[in-house]
PDB file of all heavy atoms in Angstrom:
ATOM      1  N   PRO A   1       7.840 -13.186   6.282  1.00  0.00           N
ATOM      2  CA  PRO A   1       6.387 -13.263   6.221  1.00  0.00           C
ATOM      3  C   PRO A   1       5.924 -13.633   4.818  1.00  0.00           C
ATOM      4  O   PRO A   1       6.680 -13.523   3.845  1.00  0.00           O
ATOM      5  CB  PRO A   1       5.946 -11.837   6.589  1.00  0.00           C
ATOM      6  CG  PRO A   1       7.138 -11.179   7.199  1.00  0.00           C
ATOM      7  CD  PRO A   1       8.329 -11.830   6.595  1.00  0.00           C
ATOM      8  N   SER A   2       4.687 -14.035   4.705  1.00  0.00           N
ATOM      9  CA  SER A   2       4.125 -14.342   3.394  1.00  0.00           C
ATOM     10  C   SER A   2       4.083 -13.079   2.546  1.00  0.00           C
ATOM     11  O   SER A   2       4.088 -11.954   3.059  1.00  0.00           O
ATOM     12  CB  SER A   2       2.714 -14.909   3.533  1.00  0.00           C
ATOM     13  OG  SER A   2       1.819 -13.892   3.989  1.00  0.00           O
ATOM     14  N   ASP A   3       4.025 -13.276   1.228  1.00  0.00           N
ATOM     15  CA  ASP A   3       3.942 -12.119   0.346  1.00  0.00           C
ATOM     16  C   ASP A   3       2.706 -11.275   0.660  1.00  0.00           C
ATOM     17  O   ASP A   3       2.772 -10.037   0.633  1.00  0.00           O
ATOM     18  CB  ASP A   3       3.895 -12.580  -1.113  1.00  0.00           C
ATOM     19  CG  ASP A   3       5.223 -13.145  -1.597  1.00  0.00           C
ATOM     20  OD1 ASP A   3       6.181 -13.199  -0.787  1.00  0.00           O
ATOM     21  OD2 ASP A   3       5.317 -13.534  -2.775  1.00  0.00           O
ATOM     22  N   GLU A   4       1.587 -11.924   0.962  1.00  0.00           N
ATOM     23  CA  GLU A   4       0.359 -11.189   1.281  1.00  0.00           C
ATOM     24  C   GLU A   4       0.537 -10.357   2.542  1.00  0.00           C
ATOM     25  O   GLU A   4       0.097  -9.202   2.614  1.00  0.00           O
ATOM     26  CB  GLU A   4      -0.804 -12.173   1.455  1.00  0.00           C
ATOM     27  CG  GLU A   4      -1.212 -12.885   0.182  1.00  0.00           C
ATOM     28  CD  GLU A   4      -1.824 -11.926  -0.830  1.00  0.00           C
ATOM     29  OE1 GLU A   4      -2.855 -11.316  -0.520  1.00  0.00           O
ATOM     30  OE2 GLU A   4      -1.246 -11.778  -1.924  1.00  0.00           O
ATOM     31  N   ALA A   5       1.177 -10.924   3.541  1.00  0.00           N
ATOM     32  CA  ALA A   5       1.409 -10.185   4.785  1.00  0.00           C
ATOM     33  C   ALA A   5       2.326  -8.982   4.539  1.00  0.00           C
ATOM     34  O   ALA A   5       2.114  -7.903   5.116  1.00  0.00           O
ATOM     35  CB  ALA A   5       2.018 -11.106   5.839  1.00  0.00           C
ATOM     36  N   CYS A   6       3.328  -9.172   3.700  1.00  0.00           N
ATOM     37  CA  CYS A   6       4.221  -8.049   3.364  1.00  0.00           C
ATOM     38  C   CYS A   6       3.452  -6.927   2.684  1.00  0.00           C
ATOM     39  O   CYS A   6       3.610  -5.739   3.030  1.00  0.00           O
ATOM     40  CB  CYS A   6       5.338  -8.519   2.439  1.00  0.00           C
ATOM     41  SG  CYS A   6       6.545  -9.637   3.179  1.00  0.00           S
ATOM     42  N   LEU A   7       2.622  -7.285   1.717  1.00  0.00           N
ATOM     43  CA  LEU A   7       1.871  -6.267   0.984  1.00  0.00           C
ATOM     44  C   LEU A   7       0.935  -5.504   1.908  1.00  0.00           C
ATOM     45  O   LEU A   7       0.856  -4.266   1.848  1.00  0.00           O
ATOM     46  CB  LEU A   7       1.080  -6.913  -0.160  1.00  0.00           C
ATOM     47  CG  LEU A   7       1.909  -7.419  -1.342  1.00  0.00           C
ATOM     48  CD1 LEU A   7       1.034  -8.207  -2.307  1.00  0.00           C
ATOM     49  CD2 LEU A   7       2.576  -6.250  -2.059  1.00  0.00           C
ATOM     50  N   ARG A   8       0.215  -6.215   2.766  1.00  0.00           N
ATOM     51  CA  ARG A   8      -0.690  -5.523   3.695  1.00  0.00           C
ATOM     52  C   ARG A   8       0.071  -4.558   4.583  1.00  0.00           C
ATOM     53  O   ARG A   8      -0.362  -3.418   4.816  1.00  0.00           O
ATOM     54  CB  ARG A   8      -1.448  -6.543   4.548  1.00  0.00           C
ATOM     55  CG  ARG A   8      -2.556  -7.274   3.819  1.00  0.00           C
ATOM     56  CD  ARG A   8      -3.464  -7.986   4.807  1.00  0.00           C
ATOM     57  NE  ARG A   8      -2.756  -8.988   5.586  1.00  0.00           N
ATOM     58  CZ  ARG A   8      -2.625 -10.264   5.213  1.00  0.00           C
ATOM     59  NH1 ARG A   8      -3.134 -10.664   4.054  1.00  0.00           N
ATOM     60  NH2 ARG A   8      -1.972 -11.122   5.971  1.00  0.00           N
ATOM     61  N   ALA A   9       1.217  -4.991   5.079  1.00  0.00           N
ATOM     62  CA  ALA A   9       2.003  -4.136   5.980  1.00  0.00           C
ATOM     63  C   ALA A   9       2.555  -2.914   5.255  1.00  0.00           C
ATOM     64  O   ALA A   9       2.561  -1.803   5.796  1.00  0.00           O
ATOM     65  CB  ALA A   9       3.134  -4.940   6.609  1.00  0.00           C
ATOM     66  N   LEU A  10       3.016  -3.090   4.022  1.00  0.00           N
ATOM     67  CA  LEU A  10       3.573  -1.963   3.276  1.00  0.00           C
ATOM     68  C   LEU A  10       2.485  -1.002   2.829  1.00  0.00           C
ATOM     69  O   LEU A  10       2.710   0.206   2.744  1.00  0.00           O
ATOM     70  CB  LEU A  10       4.372  -2.465   2.074  1.00  0.00           C
ATOM     71  CG  LEU A  10       5.717  -3.112   2.417  1.00  0.00           C
ATOM     72  CD1 LEU A  10       6.370  -3.686   1.168  1.00  0.00           C
ATOM     73  CD2 LEU A  10       6.659  -2.106   3.072  1.00  0.00           C
ATOM     74  N   ILE A  11       1.304  -1.508   2.536  1.00  0.00           N
ATOM     75  CA  ILE A  11       0.182  -0.624   2.214  1.00  0.00           C
ATOM     76  C   ILE A  11      -0.205   0.193   3.439  1.00  0.00           C
ATOM     77  O   ILE A  11      -0.444   1.409   3.348  1.00  0.00           O
ATOM     78  CB  ILE A  11      -1.015  -1.452   1.685  1.00  0.00           C
ATOM     79  CG1 ILE A  11      -0.677  -2.003   0.298  1.00  0.00           C
ATOM     80  CG2 ILE A  11      -2.292  -0.611   1.641  1.00  0.00           C
ATOM     81  CD1 ILE A  11      -1.586  -3.113  -0.165  1.00  0.00           C
ATOM     82  N   THR A  12      -0.245  -0.454   4.591  1.00  0.00           N
ATOM     83  CA  THR A  12      -0.514   0.269   5.839  1.00  0.00           C
ATOM     84  C   THR A  12       0.530   1.347   6.066  1.00  0.00           C
ATOM     85  O   THR A  12       0.210   2.486   6.433  1.00  0.00           O
ATOM     86  CB  THR A  12      -0.543  -0.701   7.034  1.00  0.00           C
ATOM     87  OG1 THR A  12      -1.575  -1.672   6.828  1.00  0.00           O
ATOM     88  CG2 THR A  12      -0.788   0.033   8.333  1.00  0.00           C
ATOM     89  N   ASP A  13       1.796   0.990   5.856  1.00  0.00           N
ATOM     90  CA  ASP A  13       2.882   1.948   6.059  1.00  0.00           C
ATOM     91  C   ASP A  13       2.798   3.091   5.056  1.00  0.00           C
ATOM     92  O   ASP A  13       2.977   4.262   5.427  1.00  0.00           O
ATOM     93  CB  ASP A  13       4.226   1.237   5.931  1.00  0.00           C
ATOM     94  CG  ASP A  13       5.387   2.126   6.316  1.00  0.00           C
ATOM     95  OD1 ASP A  13       5.485   2.490   7.496  1.00  0.00           O
ATOM     96  OD2 ASP A  13       6.190   2.475   5.430  1.00  0.00           O
ATOM     97  N   GLY A  14       2.530   2.778   3.782  1.00  0.00           N
ATOM     98  CA  GLY A  14       2.412   3.830   2.775  1.00  0.00           C
ATOM     99  C   GLY A  14       1.271   4.782   3.078  1.00  0.00           C
ATOM    100  O   GLY A  14       1.403   6.003   2.948  1.00  0.00           O
ATOM    101  N   ALA A  15       0.138   4.226   3.504  1.00  0.00           N
ATOM    102  CA  ALA A  15      -1.009   5.063   3.856  1.00  0.00           C
ATOM    103  C   ALA A  15      -0.689   5.941   5.064  1.00  0.00           C
ATOM    104  O   ALA A  15      -1.094   7.117   5.125  1.00  0.00           O
ATOM    105  CB  ALA A  15      -2.232   4.195   4.137  1.00  0.00           C
ATOM    106  N   ARG A  16       0.033   5.388   6.015  1.00  0.00           N
ATOM    107  CA  ARG A  16       0.400   6.167   7.205  1.00  0.00           C
ATOM    108  C   ARG A  16       1.280   7.342   6.819  1.00  0.00           C
ATOM    109  O   ARG A  16       1.093   8.455   7.314  1.00  0.00           O
ATOM    110  CB  ARG A  16       1.144   5.261   8.194  1.00  0.00           C
ATOM    111  CG  ARG A  16       1.629   5.968   9.445  1.00  0.00           C
ATOM    112  CD  ARG A  16       2.491   5.039  10.292  1.00  0.00           C
ATOM    113  NE  ARG A  16       3.679   4.568   9.583  1.00  0.00           N
ATOM    114  CZ  ARG A  16       4.779   5.280   9.427  1.00  0.00           C
ATOM    115  NH1 ARG A  16       4.863   6.500   9.925  1.00  0.00           N
ATOM    116  NH2 ARG A  16       5.818   4.778   8.767  1.00  0.00           N
ATOM    117  N   THR A  17       2.234   7.134   5.921  1.00  0.00           N
ATOM    118  CA  THR A  17       3.178   8.206   5.599  1.00  0.00           C
ATOM    119  C   THR A  17       2.542   9.304   4.751  1.00  0.00           C
ATOM    120  O   THR A  17       2.961  10.467   4.855  1.00  0.00           O
ATOM    121  CB  THR A  17       4.415   7.661   4.880  1.00  0.00           C
ATOM    122  OG1 THR A  17       4.054   7.110   3.618  1.00  0.00           O
ATOM    123  CG2 THR A  17       5.109   6.600   5.719  1.00  0.00           C
ATOM    124  N   VAL A  18       1.562   8.971   3.920  1.00  0.00           N
ATOM    125  CA  VAL A  18       0.883  10.028   3.151  1.00  0.00           C
ATOM    126  C   VAL A  18      -0.271  10.633   3.927  1.00  0.00           C
ATOM    127  O   VAL A  18      -0.663  11.774   3.698  1.00  0.00           O
ATOM    128  CB  VAL A  18       0.403   9.540   1.770  1.00  0.00           C
ATOM    129  CG1 VAL A  18       1.560   9.010   0.948  1.00  0.00           C
ATOM    130  CG2 VAL A  18      -0.709   8.504   1.875  1.00  0.00           C
ATOM    131  N   GLY A  19      -0.860   9.864   4.860  1.00  0.00           N
ATOM    132  CA  GLY A  19      -1.972  10.366   5.666  1.00  0.00           C
ATOM    133  C   GLY A  19      -3.293  10.289   4.948  1.00  0.00           C
ATOM    134  O   GLY A  19      -4.245   9.682   5.419  1.00  0.00           O
ATOM    135  N   VAL A  20      -3.380  10.913   3.798  1.00  0.00           N
ATOM    136  CA  VAL A  20      -4.544  10.835   2.927  1.00  0.00           C
ATOM    137  C   VAL A  20      -4.032  10.842   1.497  1.00  0.00           C
ATOM    138  O   VAL A  20      -3.132  11.613   1.152  1.00  0.00           O
ATOM    139  CB  VAL A  20      -5.532  12.002   3.175  1.00  0.00           C
ATOM    140  CG1 VAL A  20      -4.853  13.356   3.010  1.00  0.00           C
ATOM    141  CG2 VAL A  20      -6.746  11.912   2.263  1.00  0.00           C
ATOM    142  N   GLY A  21      -4.575   9.947   0.671  1.00  0.00           N
ATOM    143  CA  GLY A  21      -4.072   9.886  -0.700  1.00  0.00           C
ATOM    144  C   GLY A  21      -4.907   8.970  -1.565  1.00  0.00           C
ATOM    145  O   GLY A  21      -5.752   8.207  -1.080  1.00  0.00           O
ATOM    146  N   THR A  22      -4.642   9.039  -2.845  1.00  0.00           N
ATOM    147  CA  THR A  22      -5.283   8.123  -3.788  1.00  0.00           C
ATOM    148  C   THR A  22      -4.637   6.760  -3.675  1.00  0.00           C
ATOM    149  O   THR A  22      -3.579   6.591  -3.049  1.00  0.00           O
ATOM    150  CB  THR A  22      -5.127   8.640  -5.221  1.00  0.00           C
ATOM    151  OG1 THR A  22      -3.729   8.604  -5.566  1.00  0.00           O
ATOM    152  CG2 THR A  22      -5.637  10.071  -5.377  1.00  0.00           C
ATOM    153  N   SER A  23      -5.247   5.788  -4.317  1.00  0.00           N
ATOM    154  CA  SER A  23      -4.629   4.455  -4.363  1.00  0.00           C
ATOM    155  C   SER A  23      -3.230   4.537  -4.962  1.00  0.00           C
ATOM    156  O   SER A  23      -2.292   3.872  -4.509  1.00  0.00           O
ATOM    157  CB  SER A  23      -5.490   3.493  -5.181  1.00  0.00           C
ATOM    158  OG  SER A  23      -6.775   3.351  -4.611  1.00  0.00           O
ATOM    159  N   GLY A  24      -3.080   5.395  -5.998  1.00  0.00           N
ATOM    160  CA  GLY A  24      -1.774   5.563  -6.621  1.00  0.00           C
ATOM    161  C   GLY A  24      -0.755   6.216  -5.717  1.00  0.00           C
ATOM    162  O   GLY A  24       0.426   5.860  -5.735  1.00  0.00           O
ATOM    163  N   ASP A  25      -1.198   7.193  -4.913  1.00  0.00           N
ATOM    164  CA  ASP A  25      -0.289   7.838  -3.962  1.00  0.00           C
ATOM    165  C   ASP A  25       0.287   6.819  -2.987  1.00  0.00           C
ATOM    166  O   ASP A  25       1.481   6.802  -2.686  1.00  0.00           O
ATOM    167  CB  ASP A  25      -1.023   8.912  -3.148  1.00  0.00           C
ATOM    168  CG  ASP A  25      -1.500  10.084  -3.986  1.00  0.00           C
ATOM    169  OD1 ASP A  25      -1.010  10.255  -5.116  1.00  0.00           O
ATOM    170  OD2 ASP A  25      -2.367  10.836  -3.493  1.00  0.00           O
ATOM    171  N   ILE A  26      -0.595   5.974  -2.463  1.00  0.00           N
ATOM    172  CA  ILE A  26      -0.189   4.987  -1.470  1.00  0.00           C
ATOM    173  C   ILE A  26       0.712   3.932  -2.104  1.00  0.00           C
ATOM    174  O   ILE A  26       1.745   3.550  -1.538  1.00  0.00           O
ATOM    175  CB  ILE A  26      -1.430   4.343  -0.821  1.00  0.00           C
ATOM    176  CG1 ILE A  26      -2.221   5.410  -0.041  1.00  0.00           C
ATOM    177  CG2 ILE A  26      -1.044   3.181   0.088  1.00  0.00           C
ATOM    178  CD1 ILE A  26      -3.605   4.966   0.380  1.00  0.00           C
ATOM    179  N   ALA A  27       0.355   3.480  -3.295  1.00  0.00           N
ATOM    180  CA  ALA A  27       1.172   2.487  -3.988  1.00  0.00           C
ATOM    181  C   ALA A  27       2.565   3.012  -4.274  1.00  0.00           C
ATOM    182  O   ALA A  27       3.556   2.273  -4.216  1.00  0.00           O
ATOM    183  CB  ALA A  27       0.490   2.070  -5.287  1.00  0.00           C
ATOM    184  N   ASP A  28       2.666   4.310  -4.578  1.00  0.00           N
ATOM    185  CA  ASP A  28       3.925   4.897  -5.010  1.00  0.00           C
ATOM    186  C   ASP A  28       4.980   4.927  -3.913  1.00  0.00           C
ATOM    187  O   ASP A  28       6.176   4.928  -4.212  1.00  0.00           O
ATOM    188  CB  ASP A  28       3.665   6.328  -5.513  1.00  0.00           C
ATOM    189  CG  ASP A  28       4.887   6.954  -6.160  1.00  0.00           C
ATOM    190  OD1 ASP A  28       5.355   6.418  -7.173  1.00  0.00           O
ATOM    191  OD2 ASP A  28       5.376   7.977  -5.630  1.00  0.00           O
ATOM    192  N   VAL A  29       4.568   4.928  -2.663  1.00  0.00           N
ATOM    193  CA  VAL A  29       5.536   5.047  -1.566  1.00  0.00           C
ATOM    194  C   VAL A  29       6.565   3.930  -1.637  1.00  0.00           C
ATOM    195  O   VAL A  29       7.775   4.166  -1.560  1.00  0.00           O
ATOM    196  CB  VAL A  29       4.818   5.048  -0.198  1.00  0.00           C
ATOM    197  CG1 VAL A  29       5.844   5.028   0.941  1.00  0.00           C
ATOM    198  CG2 VAL A  29       3.912   6.252  -0.062  1.00  0.00           C
ATOM    199  N   HIS A  30       6.090   2.689  -1.782  1.00  0.00           N
ATOM    200  CA  HIS A  30       7.002   1.548  -1.819  1.00  0.00           C
ATOM    201  C   HIS A  30       6.952   0.816  -3.162  1.00  0.00           C
ATOM    202  O   HIS A  30       7.343  -0.344  -3.256  1.00  0.00           O
ATOM    203  CB  HIS A  30       6.677   0.573  -0.689  1.00  0.00           C
ATOM    204  CG  HIS A  30       6.891   1.134   0.686  1.00  0.00           C
ATOM    205  ND1 HIS A  30       8.120   1.594   1.106  1.00  0.00           N
ATOM    206  CD2 HIS A  30       6.033   1.323   1.723  1.00  0.00           C
ATOM    207  CE1 HIS A  30       8.018   2.025   2.362  1.00  0.00           C
ATOM    208  NE2 HIS A  30       6.768   1.880   2.753  1.00  0.00           N
ATOM    209  N   ARG A  31       6.465   1.514  -4.210  1.00  0.00           N
ATOM    210  CA  ARG A  31       6.404   0.960  -5.562  1.00  0.00           C
ATOM    211  C   ARG A  31       5.602  -0.339  -5.616  1.00  0.00           C
ATOM    212  O   ARG A  31       6.057  -1.360  -6.160  1.00  0.00           O
ATOM    213  CB  ARG A  31       7.807   0.741  -6.126  1.00  0.00           C
ATOM    214  CG  ARG A  31       8.635   2.006  -6.281  1.00  0.00           C
ATOM    215  CD  ARG A  31       8.035   3.014  -7.236  1.00  0.00           C
ATOM    216  NE  ARG A  31       9.047   3.994  -7.650  1.00  0.00           N
ATOM    217  CZ  ARG A  31       8.771   5.198  -8.114  1.00  0.00           C
ATOM    218  NH1 ARG A  31       7.505   5.601  -8.221  1.00  0.00           N
ATOM    219  NH2 ARG A  31       9.738   6.027  -8.478  1.00  0.00           N
ATOM    220  N   LEU A  32       4.405  -0.283  -5.063  1.00  0.00           N
ATOM    221  CA  LEU A  32       3.450  -1.372  -5.216  1.00  0.00           C
ATOM    222  C   LEU A  32       2.552  -1.043  -6.409  1.00  0.00           C
ATOM    223  O   LEU A  32       2.805  -0.089  -7.133  1.00  0.00           O
ATOM    224  CB  LEU A  32       2.640  -1.545  -3.927  1.00  0.00           C
ATOM    225  CG  LEU A  32       3.464  -1.686  -2.640  1.00  0.00           C
ATOM    226  CD1 LEU A  32       2.551  -1.790  -1.428  1.00  0.00           C
ATOM    227  CD2 LEU A  32       4.395  -2.882  -2.721  1.00  0.00           C
ATOM    228  N   THR A  33       1.496  -1.814  -6.605  1.00  0.00           N
ATOM    229  CA  THR A  33       0.563  -1.518  -7.685  1.00  0.00           C
ATOM    230  C   THR A  33      -0.744  -0.991  -7.097  1.00  0.00           C
ATOM    231  O   THR A  33      -1.093  -1.281  -5.947  1.00  0.00           O
ATOM    232  CB  THR A  33       0.264  -2.759  -8.534  1.00  0.00           C
ATOM    233  OG1 THR A  33      -0.484  -3.699  -7.750  1.00  0.00           O
ATOM    234  CG2 THR A  33       1.556  -3.406  -9.032  1.00  0.00           C
ATOM    235  N   ILE A  34      -1.469  -0.239  -7.913  1.00  0.00           N
ATOM    236  CA  ILE A  34      -2.770   0.272  -7.482  1.00  0.00           C
ATOM    237  C   ILE A  34      -3.702  -0.894  -7.170  1.00  0.00           C
ATOM    238  O   ILE A  34      -4.462  -0.868  -6.196  1.00  0.00           O
ATOM    239  CB  ILE A  34      -3.360   1.183  -8.570  1.00  0.00           C
ATOM    240  CG1 ILE A  34      -2.546   2.482  -8.651  1.00  0.00           C
ATOM    241  CG2 ILE A  34      -4.829   1.486  -8.297  1.00  0.00           C
ATOM    242  CD1 ILE A  34      -2.960   3.402  -9.780  1.00  0.00           C
ATOM    243  N   ALA A  35      -3.646  -1.947  -7.991  1.00  0.00           N
ATOM    244  CA  ALA A  35      -4.499  -3.108  -7.749  1.00  0.00           C
ATOM    245  C   ALA A  35      -4.203  -3.733  -6.397  1.00  0.00           C
ATOM    246  O   ALA A  35      -5.134  -4.153  -5.672  1.00  0.00           O
ATOM    247  CB  ALA A  35      -4.299  -4.136  -8.864  1.00  0.00           C
ATOM    248  N   GLU A  36      -2.945  -3.804  -6.005  1.00  0.00           N
ATOM    249  CA  GLU A  36      -2.585  -4.370  -4.709  1.00  0.00           C
ATOM    250  C   GLU A  36      -3.140  -3.514  -3.573  1.00  0.00           C
ATOM    251  O   GLU A  36      -3.654  -4.028  -2.575  1.00  0.00           O
ATOM    252  CB  GLU A  36      -1.065  -4.496  -4.592  1.00  0.00           C
ATOM    253  CG  GLU A  36      -0.498  -5.630  -5.438  1.00  0.00           C
ATOM    254  CD  GLU A  36       1.011  -5.567  -5.588  1.00  0.00           C
ATOM    255  OE1 GLU A  36       1.607  -4.491  -5.344  1.00  0.00           O
ATOM    256  OE2 GLU A  36       1.602  -6.595  -5.984  1.00  0.00           O
ATOM    257  N   VAL A  37      -3.042  -2.200  -3.719  1.00  0.00           N
ATOM    258  CA  VAL A  37      -3.585  -1.307  -2.691  1.00  0.00           C
ATOM    259  C   VAL A  37      -5.090  -1.510  -2.536  1.00  0.00           C
ATOM    260  O   VAL A  37      -5.612  -1.663  -1.428  1.00  0.00           O
ATOM    261  CB  VAL A  37      -3.269   0.165  -3.014  1.00  0.00           C
ATOM    262  CG1 VAL A  37      -4.031   1.105  -2.074  1.00  0.00           C
ATOM    263  CG2 VAL A  37      -1.778   0.419  -2.910  1.00  0.00           C
ATOM    264  N   GLU A  38      -5.801  -1.526  -3.638  1.00  0.00           N
ATOM    265  CA  GLU A  38      -7.258  -1.625  -3.562  1.00  0.00           C
ATOM    266  C   GLU A  38      -7.710  -3.005  -3.090  1.00  0.00           C
ATOM    267  O   GLU A  38      -8.752  -3.132  -2.446  1.00  0.00           O
ATOM    268  CB  GLU A  38      -7.855  -1.235  -4.903  1.00  0.00           C
ATOM    269  CG  GLU A  38      -7.562   0.237  -5.224  1.00  0.00           C
ATOM    270  CD  GLU A  38      -8.189   0.728  -6.503  1.00  0.00           C
ATOM    271  OE1 GLU A  38      -8.709  -0.105  -7.288  1.00  0.00           O
ATOM    272  OE2 GLU A  38      -8.142   1.954  -6.744  1.00  0.00           O
ATOM    273  N   GLN A  39      -6.915  -4.024  -3.371  1.00  0.00           N
ATOM    274  CA  GLN A  39      -7.254  -5.367  -2.895  1.00  0.00           C
ATOM    275  C   GLN A  39      -7.121  -5.476  -1.379  1.00  0.00           C
ATOM    276  O   GLN A  39      -7.918  -6.154  -0.724  1.00  0.00           O
ATOM    277  CB  GLN A  39      -6.336  -6.396  -3.563  1.00  0.00           C
ATOM    278  CG  GLN A  39      -6.583  -7.831  -3.102  1.00  0.00           C
ATOM    279  CD  GLN A  39      -5.606  -8.820  -3.724  1.00  0.00           C
ATOM    280  OE1 GLN A  39      -4.836  -8.467  -4.627  1.00  0.00           O
ATOM    281  NE2 GLN A  39      -5.632 -10.048  -3.244  1.00  0.00           N
ATOM    282  N   HIS A  40      -6.125  -4.779  -0.812  1.00  0.00           N
ATOM    283  CA  HIS A  40      -5.809  -4.945   0.612  1.00  0.00           C
ATOM    284  C   HIS A  40      -6.204  -3.743   1.462  1.00  0.00           C
ATOM    285  O   HIS A  40      -5.920  -3.737   2.663  1.00  0.00           O
ATOM    286  CB  HIS A  40      -4.317  -5.219   0.782  1.00  0.00           C
ATOM    287  CG  HIS A  40      -3.857  -6.499   0.166  1.00  0.00           C
ATOM    288  ND1 HIS A  40      -4.163  -7.739   0.693  1.00  0.00           N
ATOM    289  CD2 HIS A  40      -3.132  -6.735  -0.952  1.00  0.00           C
ATOM    290  CE1 HIS A  40      -3.630  -8.681  -0.061  1.00  0.00           C
ATOM    291  NE2 HIS A  40      -2.995  -8.105  -1.069  1.00  0.00           N
ATOM    292  N   ALA A  41      -6.854  -2.733   0.877  1.00  0.00           N
ATOM    293  CA  ALA A  41      -7.153  -1.504   1.609  1.00  0.00           C
ATOM    294  C   ALA A  41      -7.981  -1.763   2.865  1.00  0.00           C
ATOM    295  O   ALA A  41      -7.711  -1.219   3.935  1.00  0.00           O
ATOM    296  CB  ALA A  41      -7.859  -0.504   0.700  1.00  0.00           C
TER     297      ALA A  41
END
């Protein structure tokens, strides 16, 4: 998949596994960046 599609899917997955969290919490699951999370939230 495209890099953008990968990021969206991993952000969705990170948010699912934490349930509720900050942008940093979600980014930390798969070592993304806070900016990437907030761009694709």
